[in-house]
Amino acid sequence: MQNDRRGILKIWLRYAYEPSIVWRATKYAFFVGIILILINHVDHIFQGEITDVSLIKMGLTVLVPYLVSTCSSVGAILELQANKRHGSEG
């Protein structure tokens, strides 16, 4: 059971580090992150009230769309492979 989990994690991480997935996630994180930062922090930015906590929050704001994109891409690849193994689609 423990080895199965390690094997699944190893496969998942291998896909997560694929250059095409990293590039796609980075693009989404950049564009979506900027929009979210502006929505959530524009008042602090224009007032010059950016603190260390604000910067951490902004970093996390960019990290979330990166993780969502990565998880979605890897999940889609794994699901397609499982469907091929079982001879079905969807």
PDB file of N, CA and C in Angstrom:
ATOM      1  N   MET A   1       0.827  -1.192   0.000  1.00  0.00           N
ATOM      2  CA  MET A   1       0.000   0.000   0.000  1.00  0.00           C
ATOM      3  C   MET A   1       0.869   1.252   0.000  1.00  0.00           C
ATOM      4  N   GLN A   2       1.870   1.286   0.876  1.00  0.00           N
ATOM      5  CA  GLN A   2       2.769   2.435   0.966  1.00  0.00           C
ATOM      6  C   GLN A   2       3.550   2.602  -0.332  1.00  0.00           C
ATOM      7  N   ASN A   3       4.016   1.485  -0.927  1.00  0.00           N
ATOM      8  CA  ASN A   3       4.761   1.554  -2.179  1.00  0.00           C
ATOM      9  C   ASN A   3       3.871   2.016  -3.325  1.00  0.00           C
ATOM     10  N   ASP A   4       2.583   1.634  -3.293  1.00  0.00           N
ATOM     11  CA  ASP A   4       1.649   2.088  -4.320  1.00  0.00           C
ATOM     12  C   ASP A   4       1.505   3.607  -4.275  1.00  0.00           C
ATOM     13  N   ARG A   5       1.381   4.140  -3.085  1.00  0.00           N
ATOM     14  CA  ARG A   5       1.251   5.596  -2.937  1.00  0.00           C
ATOM     15  C   ARG A   5       2.508   6.313  -3.414  1.00  0.00           C
ATOM     16  N   ARG A   6       3.655   5.760  -3.071  1.00  0.00           N
ATOM     17  CA  ARG A   6       4.909   6.364  -3.519  1.00  0.00           C
ATOM     18  C   ARG A   6       5.011   6.308  -5.036  1.00  0.00           C
ATOM     19  N   GLY A   7       4.583   5.205  -5.616  1.00  0.00           N
ATOM     20  CA  GLY A   7       4.620   5.064  -7.072  1.00  0.00           C
ATOM     21  C   GLY A   7       3.696   6.058  -7.752  1.00  0.00           C
ATOM     22  N   ILE A   8       2.503   6.220  -7.199  1.00  0.00           N
ATOM     23  CA  ILE A   8       1.545   7.178  -7.757  1.00  0.00           C
ATOM     24  C   ILE A   8       2.088   8.595  -7.631  1.00  0.00           C
ATOM     25  N   LEU A   9       2.652   8.925  -6.475  1.00  0.00           N
ATOM     26  CA  LEU A   9       3.226  10.252  -6.264  1.00  0.00           C
ATOM     27  C   LEU A   9       4.375  10.496  -7.231  1.00  0.00           C
ATOM     28  N   LYS A  10       5.216   9.492  -7.445  1.00  0.00           N
ATOM     29  CA  LYS A  10       6.345   9.630  -8.358  1.00  0.00           C
ATOM     30  C   LYS A  10       5.853   9.899  -9.784  1.00  0.00           C
ATOM     31  N   ILE A  11       4.839   9.176 -10.224  1.00  0.00           N
ATOM     32  CA  ILE A  11       4.262   9.397 -11.550  1.00  0.00           C
ATOM     33  C   ILE A  11       3.652  10.789 -11.628  1.00  0.00           C
ATOM     34  N   TRP A  12       2.891  11.170 -10.593  1.00  0.00           N
ATOM     35  CA  TRP A  12       2.236  12.475 -10.574  1.00  0.00           C
ATOM     36  C   TRP A  12       3.280  13.593 -10.672  1.00  0.00           C
ATOM     37  N   LEU A  13       4.345  13.486  -9.894  1.00  0.00           N
ATOM     38  CA  LEU A  13       5.389  14.516  -9.908  1.00  0.00           C
ATOM     39  C   LEU A  13       6.134  14.551 -11.238  1.00  0.00           C
ATOM     40  N   ARG A  14       6.324  13.379 -11.851  1.00  0.00           N
ATOM     41  CA  ARG A  14       6.988  13.344 -13.152  1.00  0.00           C
ATOM     42  C   ARG A  14       6.205  14.179 -14.163  1.00  0.00           C
ATOM     43  N   TYR A  15       4.882  14.018 -14.176  1.00  0.00           N
ATOM     44  CA  TYR A  15       4.056  14.817 -15.084  1.00  0.00           C
ATOM     45  C   TYR A  15       4.035  16.285 -14.663  1.00  0.00           C
ATOM     46  N   ALA A  16       3.981  16.549 -13.375  1.00  0.00           N
ATOM     47  CA  ALA A  16       3.918  17.932 -12.889  1.00  0.00           C
ATOM     48  C   ALA A  16       5.160  18.725 -13.282  1.00  0.00           C
ATOM     49  N   TYR A  17       6.279  18.051 -13.468  1.00  0.00           N
ATOM     50  CA  TYR A  17       7.514  18.729 -13.854  1.00  0.00           C
ATOM     51  C   TYR A  17       7.768  18.706 -15.358  1.00  0.00           C
ATOM     52  N   GLU A  18       6.829  18.180 -16.129  1.00  0.00           N
ATOM     53  CA  GLU A  18       6.964  18.218 -17.591  1.00  0.00           C
ATOM     54  C   GLU A  18       7.025  19.683 -18.034  1.00  0.00           C
ATOM     55  N   PRO A  19       7.953  20.035 -18.899  1.00  0.00           N
ATOM     56  CA  PRO A  19       8.080  21.434 -19.316  1.00  0.00           C
ATOM     57  C   PRO A  19       6.789  22.047 -19.858  1.00  0.00           C
ATOM     58  N   SER A  20       6.008  21.296 -20.616  1.00  0.00           N
ATOM     59  CA  SER A  20       4.775  21.860 -21.169  1.00  0.00           C
ATOM     60  C   SER A  20       3.763  22.178 -20.071  1.00  0.00           C
ATOM     61  N   ILE A  21       3.708  21.352 -19.048  1.00  0.00           N
ATOM     62  CA  ILE A  21       2.783  21.594 -17.938  1.00  0.00           C
ATOM     63  C   ILE A  21       3.275  22.760 -17.089  1.00  0.00           C
ATOM     64  N   VAL A  22       4.573  22.811 -16.828  1.00  0.00           N
ATOM     65  CA  VAL A  22       5.134  23.918 -16.053  1.00  0.00           C
ATOM     66  C   VAL A  22       4.906  25.238 -16.795  1.00  0.00           C
ATOM     67  N   TRP A  23       5.132  25.248 -18.099  1.00  0.00           N
ATOM     68  CA  TRP A  23       4.957  26.465 -18.884  1.00  0.00           C
ATOM     69  C   TRP A  23       3.494  26.925 -18.879  1.00  0.00           C
ATOM     70  N   ARG A  24       2.575  25.975 -19.087  1.00  0.00           N
ATOM     71  CA  ARG A  24       1.143  26.314 -19.081  1.00  0.00           C
ATOM     72  C   ARG A  24       0.726  26.862 -17.715  1.00  0.00           C
ATOM     73  N   ALA A  25       1.131  26.202 -16.665  1.00  0.00           N
ATOM     74  CA  ALA A  25       0.768  26.643 -15.313  1.00  0.00           C
ATOM     75  C   ALA A  25       1.365  28.010 -14.998  1.00  0.00           C
ATOM     76  N   THR A  26       2.582  28.247 -15.468  1.00  0.00           N
ATOM     77  CA  THR A  26       3.233  29.536 -15.233  1.00  0.00           C
ATOM     78  C   THR A  26       2.478  30.657 -15.944  1.00  0.00           C
ATOM     79  N   LYS A  27       2.061  30.403 -17.184  1.00  0.00           N
ATOM     80  CA  LYS A  27       1.288  31.417 -17.911  1.00  0.00           C
ATOM     81  C   LYS A  27      -0.020  31.725 -17.194  1.00  0.00           C
ATOM     82  N   TYR A  28      -0.748  30.687 -16.788  1.00  0.00           N
ATOM     83  CA  TYR A  28      -2.005  30.909 -16.072  1.00  0.00           C
ATOM     84  C   TYR A  28      -1.765  31.636 -14.753  1.00  0.00           C
ATOM     85  N   ALA A  29      -0.739  31.234 -14.035  1.00  0.00           N
ATOM     86  CA  ALA A  29      -0.448  31.875 -12.747  1.00  0.00           C
ATOM     87  C   ALA A  29      -0.131  33.343 -12.933  1.00  0.00           C
ATOM     88  N   PHE A  30       0.625  33.658 -13.969  1.00  0.00           N
ATOM     89  CA  PHE A  30       0.997  35.049 -14.213  1.00  0.00           C
ATOM     90  C   PHE A  30      -0.243  35.892 -14.517  1.00  0.00           C
ATOM     91  N   PHE A  31      -1.032  35.465 -15.489  1.00  0.00           N
ATOM     92  CA  PHE A  31      -2.175  36.275 -15.905  1.00  0.00           C
ATOM     93  C   PHE A  31      -3.299  36.288 -14.872  1.00  0.00           C
ATOM     94  N   VAL A  32      -3.663  35.136 -14.375  1.00  0.00           N
ATOM     95  CA  VAL A  32      -4.727  35.080 -13.373  1.00  0.00           C
ATOM     96  C   VAL A  32      -4.244  35.720 -12.071  1.00  0.00           C
ATOM     97  N   GLY A  33      -2.986  35.486 -11.710  1.00  0.00           N
ATOM     98  CA  GLY A  33      -2.430  36.065 -10.490  1.00  0.00           C
ATOM     99  C   GLY A  33      -2.458  37.582 -10.501  1.00  0.00           C
ATOM    100  N   ILE A  34      -2.090  38.180 -11.639  1.00  0.00           N
ATOM    101  CA  ILE A  34      -2.124  39.646 -11.737  1.00  0.00           C
ATOM    102  C   ILE A  34      -3.548  40.162 -11.551  1.00  0.00           C
ATOM    103  N   ILE A  35      -4.487  39.521 -12.202  1.00  0.00           N
ATOM    104  CA  ILE A  35      -5.886  39.951 -12.065  1.00  0.00           C
ATOM    105  C   ILE A  35      -6.342  39.840 -10.614  1.00  0.00           C
ATOM    106  N   LEU A  36      -6.043  38.725  -9.970  1.00  0.00           N
ATOM    107  CA  LEU A  36      -6.449  38.536  -8.575  1.00  0.00           C
ATOM    108  C   LEU A  36      -5.732  39.510  -7.634  1.00  0.00           C
ATOM    109  N   ILE A  37      -4.466  39.779  -7.894  1.00  0.00           N
ATOM    110  CA  ILE A  37      -3.737  40.747  -7.063  1.00  0.00           C
ATOM    111  C   ILE A  37      -4.375  42.125  -7.199  1.00  0.00           C
ATOM    112  N   LEU A  38      -4.714  42.504  -8.415  1.00  0.00           N
ATOM    113  CA  LEU A  38      -5.356  43.803  -8.605  1.00  0.00           C
ATOM    114  C   LEU A  38      -6.709  43.862  -7.905  1.00  0.00           C
ATOM    115  N   ILE A  39      -7.486  42.795  -8.015  1.00  0.00           N
ATOM    116  CA  ILE A  39      -8.795  42.768  -7.351  1.00  0.00           C
ATOM    117  C   ILE A  39      -8.640  42.876  -5.838  1.00  0.00           C
ATOM    118  N   ASN A  40      -7.701  42.139  -5.296  1.00  0.00           N
ATOM    119  CA  ASN A  40      -7.595  42.032  -3.838  1.00  0.00           C
ATOM    120  C   ASN A  40      -6.676  43.054  -3.168  1.00  0.00           C
ATOM    121  N   HIS A  41      -5.729  43.624  -3.919  1.00  0.00           N
ATOM    122  CA  HIS A  41      -4.713  44.445  -3.267  1.00  0.00           C
ATOM    123  C   HIS A  41      -4.494  45.809  -3.915  1.00  0.00           C
ATOM    124  N   VAL A  42      -5.294  46.185  -4.891  1.00  0.00           N
ATOM    125  CA  VAL A  42      -5.036  47.425  -5.621  1.00  0.00           C
ATOM    126  C   VAL A  42      -5.046  48.654  -4.699  1.00  0.00           C
ATOM    127  N   ASP A  43      -5.910  48.647  -3.716  1.00  0.00           N
ATOM    128  CA  ASP A  43      -5.956  49.803  -2.799  1.00  0.00           C
ATOM    129  C   ASP A  43      -4.647  49.948  -2.027  1.00  0.00           C
ATOM    130  N   HIS A  44      -4.100  48.828  -1.554  1.00  0.00           N
ATOM    131  CA  HIS A  44      -2.827  48.874  -0.823  1.00  0.00           C
ATOM    132  C   HIS A  44      -1.677  49.288  -1.743  1.00  0.00           C
ATOM    133  N   ILE A  45      -1.728  48.816  -2.984  1.00  0.00           N
ATOM    134  CA  ILE A  45      -0.667  49.148  -3.929  1.00  0.00           C
ATOM    135  C   ILE A  45      -0.647  50.649  -4.198  1.00  0.00           C
ATOM    136  N   PHE A  46      -1.811  51.228  -4.517  1.00  0.00           N
ATOM    137  CA  PHE A  46      -1.868  52.649  -4.841  1.00  0.00           C
ATOM    138  C   PHE A  46      -1.632  53.557  -3.631  1.00  0.00           C
ATOM    139  N   GLN A  47      -1.928  53.057  -2.451  1.00  0.00           N
ATOM    140  CA  GLN A  47      -1.696  53.849  -1.241  1.00  0.00           C
ATOM    141  C   GLN A  47      -0.275  53.659  -0.704  1.00  0.00           C
ATOM    142  N   GLY A  48       0.481  52.775  -1.339  1.00  0.00           N
ATOM    143  CA  GLY A  48       1.851  52.527  -0.904  1.00  0.00           C
ATOM    144  C   GLY A  48       1.934  51.815   0.426  1.00  0.00           C
ATOM    145  N   GLU A  49       0.910  51.041   0.751  1.00  0.00           N
ATOM    146  CA  GLU A  49       0.841  50.337   2.038  1.00  0.00           C
ATOM    147  C   GLU A  49       1.139  48.853   1.886  1.00  0.00           C
ATOM    148  N   ILE A  50       2.153  48.542   1.134  1.00  0.00           N
ATOM    149  CA  ILE A  50       2.492  47.140   0.925  1.00  0.00           C
ATOM    150  C   ILE A  50       3.423  46.697   2.051  1.00  0.00           C
ATOM    151  N   THR A  51       2.982  45.701   2.788  1.00  0.00           N
ATOM    152  CA  THR A  51       3.768  45.163   3.907  1.00  0.00           C
ATOM    153  C   THR A  51       4.325  43.796   3.523  1.00  0.00           C
ATOM    154  N   ASP A  52       5.127  43.250   4.400  1.00  0.00           N
ATOM    155  CA  ASP A  52       5.638  41.901   4.173  1.00  0.00           C
ATOM    156  C   ASP A  52       4.484  40.904   4.079  1.00  0.00           C
ATOM    157  N   VAL A  53       3.472  41.098   4.899  1.00  0.00           N
ATOM    158  CA  VAL A  53       2.308  40.210   4.876  1.00  0.00           C
ATOM    159  C   VAL A  53       1.580  40.336   3.538  1.00  0.00           C
ATOM    160  N   SER A  54       1.456  41.565   3.031  1.00  0.00           N
ATOM    161  CA  SER A  54       0.824  41.782   1.735  1.00  0.00           C
ATOM    162  C   SER A  54       1.582  41.048   0.629  1.00  0.00           C
ATOM    163  N   LEU A  55       2.915  41.115   0.675  1.00  0.00           N
ATOM    164  CA  LEU A  55       3.729  40.439  -0.337  1.00  0.00           C
ATOM    165  C   LEU A  55       3.560  38.924  -0.277  1.00  0.00           C
ATOM    166  N   ILE A  56       3.473  38.391   0.936  1.00  0.00           N
ATOM    167  CA  ILE A  56       3.242  36.946   1.085  1.00  0.00           C
ATOM    168  C   ILE A  56       1.887  36.574   0.508  1.00  0.00           C
ATOM    169  N   LYS A  57       0.873  37.370   0.796  1.00  0.00           N
ATOM    170  CA  LYS A  57      -0.462  37.116   0.263  1.00  0.00           C
ATOM    171  C   LYS A  57      -0.467  37.199  -1.261  1.00  0.00           C
ATOM    172  N   MET A  58       0.256  38.152  -1.817  1.00  0.00           N
ATOM    173  CA  MET A  58       0.329  38.280  -3.270  1.00  0.00           C
ATOM    174  C   MET A  58       1.030  37.066  -3.882  1.00  0.00           C
ATOM    175  N   GLY A  59       2.076  36.602  -3.224  1.00  0.00           N
ATOM    176  CA  GLY A  59       2.762  35.395  -3.699  1.00  0.00           C
ATOM    177  C   GLY A  59       1.846  34.187  -3.692  1.00  0.00           C
ATOM    178  N   LEU A  60       1.086  34.042  -2.630  1.00  0.00           N
ATOM    179  CA  LEU A  60       0.132  32.936  -2.550  1.00  0.00           C
ATOM    180  C   LEU A  60      -0.974  33.084  -3.587  1.00  0.00           C
ATOM    181  N   THR A  61      -1.338  34.333  -3.877  1.00  0.00           N
ATOM    182  CA  THR A  61      -2.363  34.603  -4.876  1.00  0.00           C
ATOM    183  C   THR A  61      -1.907  34.118  -6.249  1.00  0.00           C
ATOM    184  N   VAL A  62      -0.621  34.195  -6.537  1.00  0.00           N
ATOM    185  CA  VAL A  62      -0.086  33.693  -7.798  1.00  0.00           C
ATOM    186  C   VAL A  62       0.110  32.180  -7.743  1.00  0.00           C
ATOM    187  N   LEU A  63       0.469  31.672  -6.585  1.00  0.00           N
ATOM    188  CA  LEU A  63       0.719  30.240  -6.433  1.00  0.00           C
ATOM    189  C   LEU A  63      -0.545  29.399  -6.638  1.00  0.00           C
ATOM    190  N   VAL A  64      -1.676  29.893  -6.190  1.00  0.00           N
ATOM    191  CA  VAL A  64      -2.921  29.112  -6.277  1.00  0.00           C
ATOM    192  C   VAL A  64      -3.279  28.767  -7.722  1.00  0.00           C
ATOM    193  N   PRO A  65      -3.331  29.727  -8.671  1.00  0.00           N
ATOM    194  CA  PRO A  65      -3.654  29.325 -10.042  1.00  0.00           C
ATOM    195  C   PRO A  65      -2.584  28.407 -10.651  1.00  0.00           C
ATOM    196  N   TYR A  66      -1.326  28.542 -10.223  1.00  0.00           N
ATOM    197  CA  TYR A  66      -0.284  27.626 -10.696  1.00  0.00           C
ATOM    198  C   TYR A  66      -0.604  26.196 -10.262  1.00  0.00           C
ATOM    199  N   LEU A  67      -0.944  26.039  -8.993  1.00  0.00           N
ATOM    200  CA  LEU A  67      -1.255  24.701  -8.481  1.00  0.00           C
ATOM    201  C   LEU A  67      -2.524  24.134  -9.107  1.00  0.00           C
ATOM    202  N   VAL A  68      -3.530  24.969  -9.290  1.00  0.00           N
ATOM    203  CA  VAL A  68      -4.783  24.507  -9.901  1.00  0.00           C
ATOM    204  C   VAL A  68      -4.523  24.031 -11.328  1.00  0.00           C
ATOM    205  N   SER A  69      -3.780  24.807 -12.091  1.00  0.00           N
ATOM    206  CA  SER A  69      -3.473  24.420 -13.461  1.00  0.00           C
ATOM    207  C   SER A  69      -2.663  23.129 -13.503  1.00  0.00           C
ATOM    208  N   THR A  70      -1.666  23.021 -12.645  1.00  0.00           N
ATOM    209  CA  THR A  70      -0.829  21.818 -12.610  1.00  0.00           C
ATOM    210  C   THR A  70      -1.650  20.586 -12.243  1.00  0.00           C
ATOM    211  N   CYS A  71      -2.446  20.694 -11.189  1.00  0.00           N
ATOM    212  CA  CYS A  71      -3.275  19.565 -10.759  1.00  0.00           C
ATOM    213  C   CYS A  71      -4.263  19.158 -11.845  1.00  0.00           C
ATOM    214  N   SER A  72      -4.848  20.126 -12.496  1.00  0.00           N
ATOM    215  CA  SER A  72      -5.813  19.850 -13.551  1.00  0.00           C
ATOM    216  C   SER A  72      -5.145  19.162 -14.739  1.00  0.00           C
ATOM    217  N   SER A  73      -3.990  19.653 -15.141  1.00  0.00           N
ATOM    218  CA  SER A  73      -3.276  19.056 -16.276  1.00  0.00           C
ATOM    219  C   SER A  73      -2.846  17.624 -15.972  1.00  0.00           C
ATOM    220  N   VAL A  74      -2.243  17.430 -14.821  1.00  0.00           N
ATOM    221  CA  VAL A  74      -1.787  16.082 -14.450  1.00  0.00           C
ATOM    222  C   VAL A  74      -2.981  15.144 -14.298  1.00  0.00           C
ATOM    223  N   GLY A  75      -4.050  15.611 -13.667  1.00  0.00           N
ATOM    224  CA  GLY A  75      -5.241  14.787 -13.511  1.00  0.00           C
ATOM    225  C   GLY A  75      -5.836  14.377 -14.841  1.00  0.00           C
ATOM    226  N   ALA A  76      -5.866  15.296 -15.797  1.00  0.00           N
ATOM    227  CA  ALA A  76      -6.410  14.982 -17.121  1.00  0.00           C
ATOM    228  C   ALA A  76      -5.555  13.936 -17.829  1.00  0.00           C
ATOM    229  N   ILE A  77      -4.240  14.066 -17.740  1.00  0.00           N
ATOM    230  CA  ILE A  77      -3.342  13.091 -18.363  1.00  0.00           C
ATOM    231  C   ILE A  77      -3.530  11.711 -17.740  1.00  0.00           C
ATOM    232  N   LEU A  78      -3.567  11.656 -16.427  1.00  0.00           N
ATOM    233  CA  LEU A  78      -3.729  10.365 -15.746  1.00  0.00           C
ATOM    234  C   LEU A  78      -5.079   9.727 -16.068  1.00  0.00           C
ATOM    235  N   GLU A  79      -6.125  10.550 -16.156  1.00  0.00           N
ATOM    236  CA  GLU A  79      -7.442  10.025 -16.491  1.00  0.00           C
ATOM    237  C   GLU A  79      -7.472   9.483 -17.921  1.00  0.00           C
ATOM    238  N   LEU A  80      -6.868  10.183 -18.853  1.00  0.00           N
ATOM    239  CA  LEU A  80      -6.804   9.704 -20.232  1.00  0.00           C
ATOM    240  C   LEU A  80      -6.050   8.383 -20.313  1.00  0.00           C
ATOM    241  N   GLN A  81      -4.967   8.280 -19.588  1.00  0.00           N
ATOM    242  CA  GLN A  81      -4.197   7.035 -19.593  1.00  0.00           C
ATOM    243  C   GLN A  81      -4.990   5.894 -18.988  1.00  0.00           C
ATOM    244  N   ALA A  82      -5.718   6.152 -17.914  1.00  0.00           N
ATOM    245  CA  ALA A  82      -6.542   5.116 -17.285  1.00  0.00           C
ATOM    246  C   ALA A  82      -7.637   4.666 -18.241  1.00  0.00           C
ATOM    247  N   ASN A  83      -8.250   5.616 -18.948  1.00  0.00           N
ATOM    248  CA  ASN A  83      -9.296   5.266 -19.906  1.00  0.00           C
ATOM    249  C   ASN A  83      -8.747   4.434 -21.051  1.00  0.00           C
ATOM    250  N   LYS A  84      -7.556   4.752 -21.497  1.00  0.00           N
ATOM    251  CA  LYS A  84      -6.925   3.958 -22.576  1.00  0.00           C
ATOM    252  C   LYS A  84      -6.649   2.539 -22.112  1.00  0.00           C
ATOM    253  N   ARG A  85      -6.197   2.409 -20.862  1.00  0.00           N
ATOM    254  CA  ARG A  85      -5.912   1.070 -20.321  1.00  0.00           C
ATOM    255  C   ARG A  85      -7.184   0.242 -20.204  1.00  0.00           C
ATOM    256  N   HIS A  86      -8.300   0.895 -19.901  1.00  0.00           N
ATOM    257  CA  HIS A  86      -9.553   0.182 -19.701  1.00  0.00           C
ATOM    258  C   HIS A  86     -10.409   0.165 -20.963  1.00  0.00           C
ATOM    259  N   GLY A  87      -9.892   0.773 -22.036  1.00  0.00           N
ATOM    260  CA  GLY A  87     -10.574   0.738 -23.310  1.00  0.00           C
ATOM    261  C   GLY A  87     -11.845   1.546 -23.387  1.00  0.00           C
ATOM    262  N   SER A  88     -11.944   2.622 -22.597  1.00  0.00           N
ATOM    263  CA  SER A  88     -13.130   3.472 -22.642  1.00  0.00           C
ATOM    264  C   SER A  88     -12.717   4.920 -22.679  1.00  0.00           C
ATOM    265  N   GLU A  89     -13.678   5.787 -23.002  1.00  0.00           N
ATOM    266  CA  GLU A  89     -13.428   7.225 -23.001  1.00  0.00           C
ATOM    267  C   GLU A  89     -14.424   7.906 -22.101  1.00  0.00           C
ATOM    268  N   GLY A  90     -14.012   9.093 -21.567  1.00  0.00           N
ATOM    269  CA  GLY A  90     -14.938   9.901 -20.758  1.00  0.00           C
ATOM    270  C   GLY A  90     -14.770   9.669 -19.361  1.00  0.00           C
TER     271      GLY A  90
END
